[in-house]
Amino acid sequence: MRVEVRPAFDEAIMAAEPRVRKAAAKMLHLLQAFSLTELWSHTGLNFEKLHGMIEPASGAQLYSLRVSGAVRAIACLRQGPIVVLVSLHVQHDKAYRK
């Protein structure tokens, strides 16, 4: 699968602690190796639809990915399949706020 990174995600990674960067790098490697079916079924990434949440820039449905126990990435899907990493949230609960 192809992965694209939006500037907000990239900036959050650069500002994050080393342990978060390491977990995000591991997640990126997994995403690149997976098919869309494997992404949906992987229990560690916990890829799930965020009901009622869309990306303002594209109007695409947003999804959550587990980076680590407390860290979540917000992403959207494009045809290809392409996962677009939109943002990174180091506090789990803040990832789900509109």
PDB file of N, CA and C in Angstrom:
ATOM      1  N   MET A   1       0.845  -1.157   0.000  1.00  0.00           N
ATOM      2  CA  MET A   1       0.000   0.000   0.000  1.00  0.00           C
ATOM      3  C   MET A   1       0.900   1.233   0.000  1.00  0.00           C
ATOM      4  N   ARG A   2       0.437   2.273  -0.658  1.00  0.00           N
ATOM      5  CA  ARG A   2       1.188   3.521  -0.688  1.00  0.00           C
ATOM      6  C   ARG A   2       0.754   4.411   0.478  1.00  0.00           C
ATOM      7  N   VAL A   3       1.690   5.170   1.027  1.00  0.00           N
ATOM      8  CA  VAL A   3       1.405   6.055   2.159  1.00  0.00           C
ATOM      9  C   VAL A   3       1.796   7.481   1.785  1.00  0.00           C
ATOM     10  N   GLU A   4       0.887   8.415   2.038  1.00  0.00           N
ATOM     11  CA  GLU A   4       1.178   9.840   1.884  1.00  0.00           C
ATOM     12  C   GLU A   4       1.097  10.492   3.253  1.00  0.00           C
ATOM     13  N   VAL A   5       1.917  11.500   3.460  1.00  0.00           N
ATOM     14  CA  VAL A   5       1.976  12.180   4.762  1.00  0.00           C
ATOM     15  C   VAL A   5       1.651  13.656   4.562  1.00  0.00           C
ATOM     16  N   ARG A   6       0.648  14.117   5.282  1.00  0.00           N
ATOM     17  CA  ARG A   6       0.290  15.543   5.235  1.00  0.00           C
ATOM     18  C   ARG A   6       1.236  16.326   6.152  1.00  0.00           C
ATOM     19  N   PRO A   7       1.416  17.624   5.890  1.00  0.00           N
ATOM     20  CA  PRO A   7       2.337  18.431   6.701  1.00  0.00           C
ATOM     21  C   PRO A   7       2.043  18.399   8.201  1.00  0.00           C
ATOM     22  N   ALA A   8       0.781  18.408   8.602  1.00  0.00           N
ATOM     23  CA  ALA A   8       0.444  18.405  10.036  1.00  0.00           C
ATOM     24  C   ALA A   8       0.945  17.132  10.714  1.00  0.00           C
ATOM     25  N   PHE A   9       0.849  15.996  10.027  1.00  0.00           N
ATOM     26  CA  PHE A   9       1.346  14.735  10.584  1.00  0.00           C
ATOM     27  C   PHE A   9       2.864  14.796  10.707  1.00  0.00           C
ATOM     28  N   ASP A  10       3.508  15.257   9.661  1.00  0.00           N
ATOM     29  CA  ASP A  10       4.968  15.353   9.643  1.00  0.00           C
ATOM     30  C   ASP A  10       5.482  16.275  10.755  1.00  0.00           C
ATOM     31  N   GLU A  11       4.834  17.409  10.932  1.00  0.00           N
ATOM     32  CA  GLU A  11       5.238  18.356  11.987  1.00  0.00           C
ATOM     33  C   GLU A  11       5.068  17.742  13.368  1.00  0.00           C
ATOM     34  N   ALA A  12       3.969  17.013  13.572  1.00  0.00           N
ATOM     35  CA  ALA A  12       3.733  16.379  14.874  1.00  0.00           C
ATOM     36  C   ALA A  12       4.777  15.304  15.158  1.00  0.00           C
ATOM     37  N   ILE A  13       5.181  14.568  14.136  1.00  0.00           N
ATOM     38  CA  ILE A  13       6.226  13.547  14.310  1.00  0.00           C
ATOM     39  C   ILE A  13       7.542  14.211  14.714  1.00  0.00           C
ATOM     40  N   MET A  14       7.888  15.295  14.038  1.00  0.00           N
ATOM     41  CA  MET A  14       9.146  15.979  14.337  1.00  0.00           C
ATOM     42  C   MET A  14       9.169  16.549  15.755  1.00  0.00           C
ATOM     43  N   ALA A  15       8.012  16.930  16.275  1.00  0.00           N
ATOM     44  CA  ALA A  15       7.925  17.505  17.614  1.00  0.00           C
ATOM     45  C   ALA A  15       7.756  16.436  18.705  1.00  0.00           C
ATOM     46  N   ALA A  16       7.513  15.203  18.309  1.00  0.00           N
ATOM     47  CA  ALA A  16       7.218  14.138  19.268  1.00  0.00           C
ATOM     48  C   ALA A  16       8.485  13.582  19.924  1.00  0.00           C
ATOM     49  N   GLU A  17       8.264  12.895  21.020  1.00  0.00           N
ATOM     50  CA  GLU A  17       9.351  12.225  21.743  1.00  0.00           C
ATOM     51  C   GLU A  17       9.903  11.080  20.893  1.00  0.00           C
ATOM     52  N   PRO A  18      11.140  10.670  21.144  1.00  0.00           N
ATOM     53  CA  PRO A  18      11.745   9.575  20.372  1.00  0.00           C
ATOM     54  C   PRO A  18      10.920   8.284  20.370  1.00  0.00           C
ATOM     55  N   ARG A  19      10.299   7.938  21.500  1.00  0.00           N
ATOM     56  CA  ARG A  19       9.510   6.699  21.539  1.00  0.00           C
ATOM     57  C   ARG A  19       8.307   6.771  20.600  1.00  0.00           C
ATOM     58  N   VAL A  20       7.715   7.970  20.451  1.00  0.00           N
ATOM     59  CA  VAL A  20       6.587   8.149  19.534  1.00  0.00           C
ATOM     60  C   VAL A  20       7.078   8.061  18.095  1.00  0.00           C
ATOM     61  N   ARG A  21       8.219   8.669  17.811  1.00  0.00           N
ATOM     62  CA  ARG A  21       8.798   8.599  16.463  1.00  0.00           C
ATOM     63  C   ARG A  21       9.092   7.155  16.064  1.00  0.00           C
ATOM     64  N   LYS A  22       9.627   6.398  17.016  1.00  0.00           N
ATOM     65  CA  LYS A  22       9.957   5.002  16.744  1.00  0.00           C
ATOM     66  C   LYS A  22       8.685   4.197  16.456  1.00  0.00           C
ATOM     67  N   ALA A  23       7.645   4.415  17.253  1.00  0.00           N
ATOM     68  CA  ALA A  23       6.377   3.712  17.042  1.00  0.00           C
ATOM     69  C   ALA A  23       5.749   4.108  15.709  1.00  0.00           C
ATOM     70  N   ALA A  24       5.844   5.381  15.340  1.00  0.00           N
ATOM     71  CA  ALA A  24       5.297   5.846  14.065  1.00  0.00           C
ATOM     72  C   ALA A  24       6.062   5.243  12.892  1.00  0.00           C
ATOM     73  N   ALA A  25       7.376   5.123  13.015  1.00  0.00           N
ATOM     74  CA  ALA A  25       8.178   4.508  11.957  1.00  0.00           C
ATOM     75  C   ALA A  25       7.772   3.044  11.768  1.00  0.00           C
ATOM     76  N   LYS A  26       7.539   2.349  12.869  1.00  0.00           N
ATOM     77  CA  LYS A  26       7.100   0.951  12.795  1.00  0.00           C
ATOM     78  C   LYS A  26       5.742   0.863  12.092  1.00  0.00           C
ATOM     79  N   MET A  27       4.819   1.769  12.439  1.00  0.00           N
ATOM     80  CA  MET A  27       3.504   1.788  11.813  1.00  0.00           C
ATOM     81  C   MET A  27       3.627   2.044  10.304  1.00  0.00           C
ATOM     82  N   LEU A  28       4.494   2.982   9.910  1.00  0.00           N
ATOM     83  CA  LEU A  28       4.689   3.287   8.495  1.00  0.00           C
ATOM     84  C   LEU A  28       5.194   2.066   7.727  1.00  0.00           C
ATOM     85  N   HIS A  29       6.138   1.346   8.300  1.00  0.00           N
ATOM     86  CA  HIS A  29       6.648   0.139   7.641  1.00  0.00           C
ATOM     87  C   HIS A  29       5.549  -0.904   7.476  1.00  0.00           C
ATOM     88  N   LEU A  30       4.721  -1.062   8.493  1.00  0.00           N
ATOM     89  CA  LEU A  30       3.606  -2.000   8.395  1.00  0.00           C
ATOM     90  C   LEU A  30       2.643  -1.581   7.293  1.00  0.00           C
ATOM     91  N   LEU A  31       2.270  -0.313   7.271  1.00  0.00           N
ATOM     92  CA  LEU A  31       1.330   0.177   6.265  1.00  0.00           C
ATOM     93  C   LEU A  31       1.838  -0.067   4.855  1.00  0.00           C
ATOM     94  N   GLN A  32       3.113   0.181   4.630  1.00  0.00           N
ATOM     95  CA  GLN A  32       3.680   0.008   3.299  1.00  0.00           C
ATOM     96  C   GLN A  32       3.693  -1.456   2.870  1.00  0.00           C
ATOM     97  N   ALA A  33       3.748  -2.369   3.818  1.00  0.00           N
ATOM     98  CA  ALA A  33       3.794  -3.792   3.505  1.00  0.00           C
ATOM     99  C   ALA A  33       2.410  -4.422   3.356  1.00  0.00           C
ATOM    100  N   PHE A  34       1.369  -3.742   3.807  1.00  0.00           N
ATOM    101  CA  PHE A  34       0.025  -4.312   3.845  1.00  0.00           C
ATOM    102  C   PHE A  34      -0.771  -4.031   2.576  1.00  0.00           C
ATOM    103  N   SER A  35      -1.741  -4.915   2.349  1.00  0.00           N
ATOM    104  CA  SER A  35      -2.817  -4.634   1.402  1.00  0.00           C
ATOM    105  C   SER A  35      -3.948  -3.987   2.216  1.00  0.00           C
ATOM    106  N   LEU A  36      -4.963  -3.488   1.557  1.00  0.00           N
ATOM    107  CA  LEU A  36      -6.076  -2.875   2.273  1.00  0.00           C
ATOM    108  C   LEU A  36      -6.786  -3.902   3.158  1.00  0.00           C
ATOM    109  N   THR A  37      -6.932  -5.113   2.682  1.00  0.00           N
ATOM    110  CA  THR A  37      -7.563  -6.175   3.478  1.00  0.00           C
ATOM    111  C   THR A  37      -6.764  -6.458   4.738  1.00  0.00           C
ATOM    112  N   GLU A  38      -5.454  -6.518   4.613  1.00  0.00           N
ATOM    113  CA  GLU A  38      -4.599  -6.763   5.777  1.00  0.00           C
ATOM    114  C   GLU A  38      -4.680  -5.613   6.774  1.00  0.00           C
ATOM    115  N   LEU A  39      -4.790  -4.391   6.265  1.00  0.00           N
ATOM    116  CA  LEU A  39      -4.922  -3.228   7.154  1.00  0.00           C
ATOM    117  C   LEU A  39      -6.189  -3.337   7.985  1.00  0.00           C
ATOM    118  N   TRP A  40      -7.300  -3.667   7.348  1.00  0.00           N
ATOM    119  CA  TRP A  40      -8.572  -3.780   8.068  1.00  0.00           C
ATOM    120  C   TRP A  40      -8.539  -4.876   9.130  1.00  0.00           C
ATOM    121  N   SER A  41      -7.810  -5.944   8.866  1.00  0.00           N
ATOM    122  CA  SER A  41      -7.844  -7.086   9.779  1.00  0.00           C
ATOM    123  C   SER A  41      -6.727  -7.084  10.823  1.00  0.00           C
ATOM    124  N   HIS A  42      -5.749  -6.199  10.707  1.00  0.00           N
ATOM    125  CA  HIS A  42      -4.627  -6.182  11.656  1.00  0.00           C
ATOM    126  C   HIS A  42      -5.104  -5.661  13.010  1.00  0.00           C
ATOM    127  N   THR A  43      -5.012  -6.496  14.023  1.00  0.00           N
ATOM    128  CA  THR A  43      -5.541  -6.119  15.343  1.00  0.00           C
ATOM    129  C   THR A  43      -4.652  -5.113  16.067  1.00  0.00           C
ATOM    130  N   GLY A  44      -3.365  -5.088  15.774  1.00  0.00           N
ATOM    131  CA  GLY A  44      -2.460  -4.161  16.447  1.00  0.00           C
ATOM    132  C   GLY A  44      -2.663  -2.713  16.037  1.00  0.00           C
ATOM    133  N   LEU A  45      -2.969  -2.485  14.754  1.00  0.00           N
ATOM    134  CA  LEU A  45      -3.176  -1.108  14.287  1.00  0.00           C
ATOM    135  C   LEU A  45      -4.566  -0.584  14.616  1.00  0.00           C
ATOM    136  N   ASN A  46      -5.510  -1.490  14.825  1.00  0.00           N
ATOM    137  CA  ASN A  46      -6.865  -1.101  15.201  1.00  0.00           C
ATOM    138  C   ASN A  46      -7.414  -0.016  14.263  1.00  0.00           C
ATOM    139  N   PHE A  47      -7.334  -0.257  12.968  1.00  0.00           N
ATOM    140  CA  PHE A  47      -7.817   0.670  11.950  1.00  0.00           C
ATOM    141  C   PHE A  47      -9.333   0.717  12.017  1.00  0.00           C
ATOM    142  N   GLU A  48      -9.881   1.896  12.308  1.00  0.00           N
ATOM    143  CA  GLU A  48     -11.330   1.994  12.452  1.00  0.00           C
ATOM    144  C   GLU A  48     -11.855   3.312  11.917  1.00  0.00           C
ATOM    145  N   LYS A  49     -13.057   3.237  11.385  1.00  0.00           N
ATOM    146  CA  LYS A  49     -13.740   4.396  10.835  1.00  0.00           C
ATOM    147  C   LYS A  49     -14.166   5.321  11.968  1.00  0.00           C
ATOM    148  N   LEU A  50     -13.959   6.615  11.775  1.00  0.00           N
ATOM    149  CA  LEU A  50     -14.430   7.616  12.737  1.00  0.00           C
ATOM    150  C   LEU A  50     -15.751   8.164  12.212  1.00  0.00           C
ATOM    151  N   HIS A  51     -16.818   7.592  12.688  1.00  0.00           N
ATOM    152  CA  HIS A  51     -18.146   7.922  12.189  1.00  0.00           C
ATOM    153  C   HIS A  51     -18.453   9.411  12.351  1.00  0.00           C
ATOM    154  N   GLY A  52     -18.931   9.998  11.277  1.00  0.00           N
ATOM    155  CA  GLY A  52     -19.303  11.415  11.305  1.00  0.00           C
ATOM    156  C   GLY A  52     -18.138  12.371  11.194  1.00  0.00           C
ATOM    157  N   MET A  53     -16.939  11.865  10.950  1.00  0.00           N
ATOM    158  CA  MET A  53     -15.774  12.752  10.843  1.00  0.00           C
ATOM    159  C   MET A  53     -15.187  12.657   9.433  1.00  0.00           C
ATOM    160  N   ILE A  54     -15.039  13.823   8.794  1.00  0.00           N
ATOM    161  CA  ILE A  54     -14.449  13.882   7.464  1.00  0.00           C
ATOM    162  C   ILE A  54     -13.310  14.889   7.454  1.00  0.00           C
ATOM    163  N   GLU A  55     -12.397  14.708   6.518  1.00  0.00           N
ATOM    164  CA  GLU A  55     -11.294  15.651   6.377  1.00  0.00           C
ATOM    165  C   GLU A  55     -11.811  16.883   5.643  1.00  0.00           C
ATOM    166  N   PRO A  56     -11.655  18.060   6.236  1.00  0.00           N
ATOM    167  CA  PRO A  56     -12.173  19.274   5.603  1.00  0.00           C
ATOM    168  C   PRO A  56     -11.579  19.548   4.215  1.00  0.00           C
ATOM    169  N   ALA A  57     -10.300  19.275   4.020  1.00  0.00           N
ATOM    170  CA  ALA A  57      -9.633  19.598   2.756  1.00  0.00           C
ATOM    171  C   ALA A  57     -10.155  18.771   1.585  1.00  0.00           C
ATOM    172  N   SER A  58     -10.448  17.493   1.816  1.00  0.00           N
ATOM    173  CA  SER A  58     -10.847  16.616   0.713  1.00  0.00           C
ATOM    174  C   SER A  58     -12.270  16.086   0.823  1.00  0.00           C
ATOM    175  N   GLY A  59     -12.864  16.185   1.998  1.00  0.00           N
ATOM    176  CA  GLY A  59     -14.190  15.609   2.208  1.00  0.00           C
ATOM    177  C   GLY A  59     -14.156  14.100   2.404  1.00  0.00           C
ATOM    178  N   ALA A  60     -12.960  13.536   2.580  1.00  0.00           N
ATOM    179  CA  ALA A  60     -12.804  12.092   2.731  1.00  0.00           C
ATOM    180  C   ALA A  60     -13.120  11.643   4.153  1.00  0.00           C
ATOM    181  N   GLN A  61     -13.640  10.437   4.260  1.00  0.00           N
ATOM    182  CA  GLN A  61     -13.909   9.806   5.551  1.00  0.00           C
ATOM    183  C   GLN A  61     -12.604   9.657   6.325  1.00  0.00           C
ATOM    184  N   LEU A  62     -12.644   9.939   7.620  1.00  0.00           N
ATOM    185  CA  LEU A  62     -11.450   9.793   8.458  1.00  0.00           C
ATOM    186  C   LEU A  62     -11.464   8.471   9.213  1.00  0.00           C
ATOM    187  N   TYR A  63     -10.259   7.958   9.458  1.00  0.00           N
ATOM    188  CA  TYR A  63     -10.046   6.705  10.172  1.00  0.00           C
ATOM    189  C   TYR A  63      -8.981   6.922  11.236  1.00  0.00           C
ATOM    190  N   SER A  64      -8.992   6.067  12.240  1.00  0.00           N
ATOM    191  CA  SER A  64      -7.994   6.106  13.309  1.00  0.00           C
ATOM    192  C   SER A  64      -7.084   4.889  13.179  1.00  0.00           C
ATOM    193  N   LEU A  65      -5.800   5.109  13.466  1.00  0.00           N
ATOM    194  CA  LEU A  65      -4.803   4.038  13.503  1.00  0.00           C
ATOM    195  C   LEU A  65      -4.056   4.120  14.819  1.00  0.00           C
ATOM    196  N   ARG A  66      -3.824   2.994  15.442  1.00  0.00           N
ATOM    197  CA  ARG A  66      -3.051   2.973  16.678  1.00  0.00           C
ATOM    198  C   ARG A  66      -1.567   3.029  16.340  1.00  0.00           C
ATOM    199  N   VAL A  67      -0.891   4.040  16.876  1.00  0.00           N
ATOM    200  CA  VAL A  67       0.560   4.149  16.739  1.00  0.00           C
ATOM    201  C   VAL A  67       1.209   3.468  17.936  1.00  0.00           C
ATOM    202  N   SER A  68       0.668   3.748  19.123  1.00  0.00           N
ATOM    203  CA  SER A  68       1.089   3.090  20.364  1.00  0.00           C
ATOM    204  C   SER A  68      -0.119   3.114  21.297  1.00  0.00           C
ATOM    205  N   GLY A  69       0.081   2.705  22.534  1.00  0.00           N
ATOM    206  CA  GLY A  69      -1.036   2.645  23.478  1.00  0.00           C
ATOM    207  C   GLY A  69      -1.791   3.946  23.629  1.00  0.00           C
ATOM    208  N   ALA A  70      -1.096   5.071  23.650  1.00  0.00           N
ATOM    209  CA  ALA A  70      -1.745   6.360  23.854  1.00  0.00           C
ATOM    210  C   ALA A  70      -1.765   7.234  22.599  1.00  0.00           C
ATOM    211  N   VAL A  71      -1.045   6.846  21.574  1.00  0.00           N
ATOM    212  CA  VAL A  71      -0.883   7.699  20.393  1.00  0.00           C
ATOM    213  C   VAL A  71      -1.719   7.169  19.233  1.00  0.00           C
ATOM    214  N   ARG A  72      -2.431   8.085  18.582  1.00  0.00           N
ATOM    215  CA  ARG A  72      -3.262   7.733  17.434  1.00  0.00           C
ATOM    216  C   ARG A  72      -2.904   8.600  16.239  1.00  0.00           C
ATOM    217  N   ALA A  73      -3.012   8.008  15.066  1.00  0.00           N
ATOM    218  CA  ALA A  73      -2.884   8.744  13.809  1.00  0.00           C
ATOM    219  C   ALA A  73      -4.272   8.811  13.189  1.00  0.00           C
ATOM    220  N   ILE A  74      -4.579   9.936  12.597  1.00  0.00           N
ATOM    221  CA  ILE A  74      -5.821  10.097  11.859  1.00  0.00           C
ATOM    222  C   ILE A  74      -5.452  10.055  10.384  1.00  0.00           C
ATOM    223  N   ALA A  75      -6.213   9.262   9.621  1.00  0.00           N
ATOM    224  CA  ALA A  75      -5.892   9.050   8.216  1.00  0.00           C
ATOM    225  C   ALA A  75      -7.164   9.022   7.377  1.00  0.00           C
ATOM    226  N   CYS A  76      -6.977   9.128   6.077  1.00  0.00           N
ATOM    227  CA  CYS A  76      -8.069   8.903   5.139  1.00  0.00           C
ATOM    228  C   CYS A  76      -7.544   7.986   4.043  1.00  0.00           C
ATOM    229  N   LEU A  77      -8.457   7.424   3.275  1.00  0.00           N
ATOM    230  CA  LEU A  77      -8.091   6.505   2.206  1.00  0.00           C
ATOM    231  C   LEU A  77      -8.379   7.136   0.859  1.00  0.00           C
ATOM    232  N   ARG A  78      -7.497   6.856  -0.085  1.00  0.00           N
ATOM    233  CA  ARG A  78      -7.723   7.249  -1.473  1.00  0.00           C
ATOM    234  C   ARG A  78      -7.591   6.004  -2.326  1.00  0.00           C
ATOM    235  N   GLN A  79      -8.123   6.073  -3.534  1.00  0.00           N
ATOM    236  CA  GLN A  79      -8.015   4.924  -4.425  1.00  0.00           C
ATOM    237  C   GLN A  79      -6.566   4.640  -4.742  1.00  0.00           C
ATOM    238  N   GLY A  80      -6.261   3.404  -4.887  1.00  0.00           N
ATOM    239  CA  GLY A  80      -4.905   3.041  -5.230  1.00  0.00           C
ATOM    240  C   GLY A  80      -4.455   1.718  -4.649  1.00  0.00           C
ATOM    241  N   PRO A  81      -4.636   1.318  -3.458  1.00  0.00           N
ATOM    242  CA  PRO A  81      -5.078   2.102  -2.293  1.00  0.00           C
ATOM    243  C   PRO A  81      -3.929   2.934  -1.717  1.00  0.00           C
ATOM    244  N   ILE A  82      -4.304   4.082  -1.258  1.00  0.00           N
ATOM    245  CA  ILE A  82      -3.363   5.011  -0.645  1.00  0.00           C
ATOM    246  C   ILE A  82      -3.904   5.412   0.718  1.00  0.00           C
ATOM    247  N   VAL A  83      -3.065   5.302   1.740  1.00  0.00           N
ATOM    248  CA  VAL A  83      -3.415   5.799   3.070  1.00  0.00           C
ATOM    249  C   VAL A  83      -2.769   7.171   3.207  1.00  0.00           C
ATOM    250  N   VAL A  84      -3.582   8.166   3.546  1.00  0.00           N
ATOM    251  CA  VAL A  84      -3.083   9.528   3.740  1.00  0.00           C
ATOM    252  C   VAL A  84      -3.076   9.803   5.235  1.00  0.00           C
ATOM    253  N   LEU A  85      -1.896   9.982   5.811  1.00  0.00           N
ATOM    254  CA  LEU A  85      -1.769  10.277   7.244  1.00  0.00           C
ATOM    255  C   LEU A  85      -1.978  11.769   7.431  1.00  0.00           C
ATOM    256  N   VAL A  86      -3.079  12.125   8.078  1.00  0.00           N
ATOM    257  CA  VAL A  86      -3.521  13.507   8.198  1.00  0.00           C
ATOM    258  C   VAL A  86      -2.950  14.182   9.437  1.00  0.00           C
ATOM    259  N   SER A  87      -3.060  13.514  10.593  1.00  0.00           N
ATOM    260  CA  SER A  87      -2.593  14.122  11.834  1.00  0.00           C
ATOM    261  C   SER A  87      -2.158  13.046  12.819  1.00  0.00           C
ATOM    262  N   LEU A  88      -1.417  13.473  13.825  1.00  0.00           N
ATOM    263  CA  LEU A  88      -0.929  12.589  14.882  1.00  0.00           C
ATOM    264  C   LEU A  88      -1.346  13.187  16.215  1.00  0.00           C
ATOM    265  N   HIS A  89      -1.854  12.345  17.097  1.00  0.00           N
ATOM    266  CA  HIS A  89      -2.328  12.806  18.407  1.00  0.00           C
ATOM    267  C   HIS A  89      -1.682  11.963  19.489  1.00  0.00           C
ATOM    268  N   VAL A  90      -0.893  12.616  20.342  1.00  0.00           N
ATOM    269  CA  VAL A  90      -0.201  11.880  21.406  1.00  0.00           C
ATOM    270  C   VAL A  90      -1.108  11.605  22.592  1.00  0.00           C
ATOM    271  N   GLN A  91      -2.272  12.228  22.635  1.00  0.00           N
ATOM    272  CA  GLN A  91      -3.264  11.930  23.663  1.00  0.00           C
ATOM    273  C   GLN A  91      -4.468  11.305  22.969  1.00  0.00           C
ATOM    274  N   HIS A  92      -4.671  10.029  23.239  1.00  0.00           N
ATOM    275  CA  HIS A  92      -5.682   9.202  22.590  1.00  0.00           C
ATOM    276  C   HIS A  92      -7.039   9.891  22.462  1.00  0.00           C
ATOM    277  N   ASP A  93      -7.579  10.442  23.549  1.00  0.00           N
ATOM    278  CA  ASP A  93      -8.922  11.005  23.534  1.00  0.00           C
ATOM    279  C   ASP A  93      -9.042  12.229  22.633  1.00  0.00           C
ATOM    280  N   LYS A  94      -7.989  13.014  22.491  1.00  0.00           N
ATOM    281  CA  LYS A  94      -8.044  14.215  21.651  1.00  0.00           C
ATOM    282  C   LYS A  94      -8.120  13.871  20.162  1.00  0.00           C
ATOM    283  N   ALA A  95      -7.741  12.684  19.796  1.00  0.00           N
ATOM    284  CA  ALA A  95      -7.785  12.270  18.390  1.00  0.00           C
ATOM    285  C   ALA A  95      -9.210  12.187  17.872  1.00  0.00           C
ATOM    286  N   TYR A  96     -10.174  11.994  18.758  1.00  0.00           N
ATOM    287  CA  TYR A  96     -11.554  11.764  18.330  1.00  0.00           C
ATOM    288  C   TYR A  96     -12.434  12.999  18.461  1.00  0.00           C
ATOM    289  N   ARG A  97     -11.850  14.120  18.770  1.00  0.00           N
ATOM    290  CA  ARG A  97     -12.644  15.350  18.867  1.00  0.00           C
ATOM    291  C   ARG A  97     -12.738  15.994  17.501  1.00  0.00           C
ATOM    292  N   LYS A  98     -13.901  16.539  17.218  1.00  0.00           N
ATOM    293  CA  LYS A  98     -14.130  17.203  15.928  1.00  0.00           C
ATOM    294  C   LYS A  98     -13.514  18.575  15.927  1.00  0.00           C
TER     295      LYS A  98
END
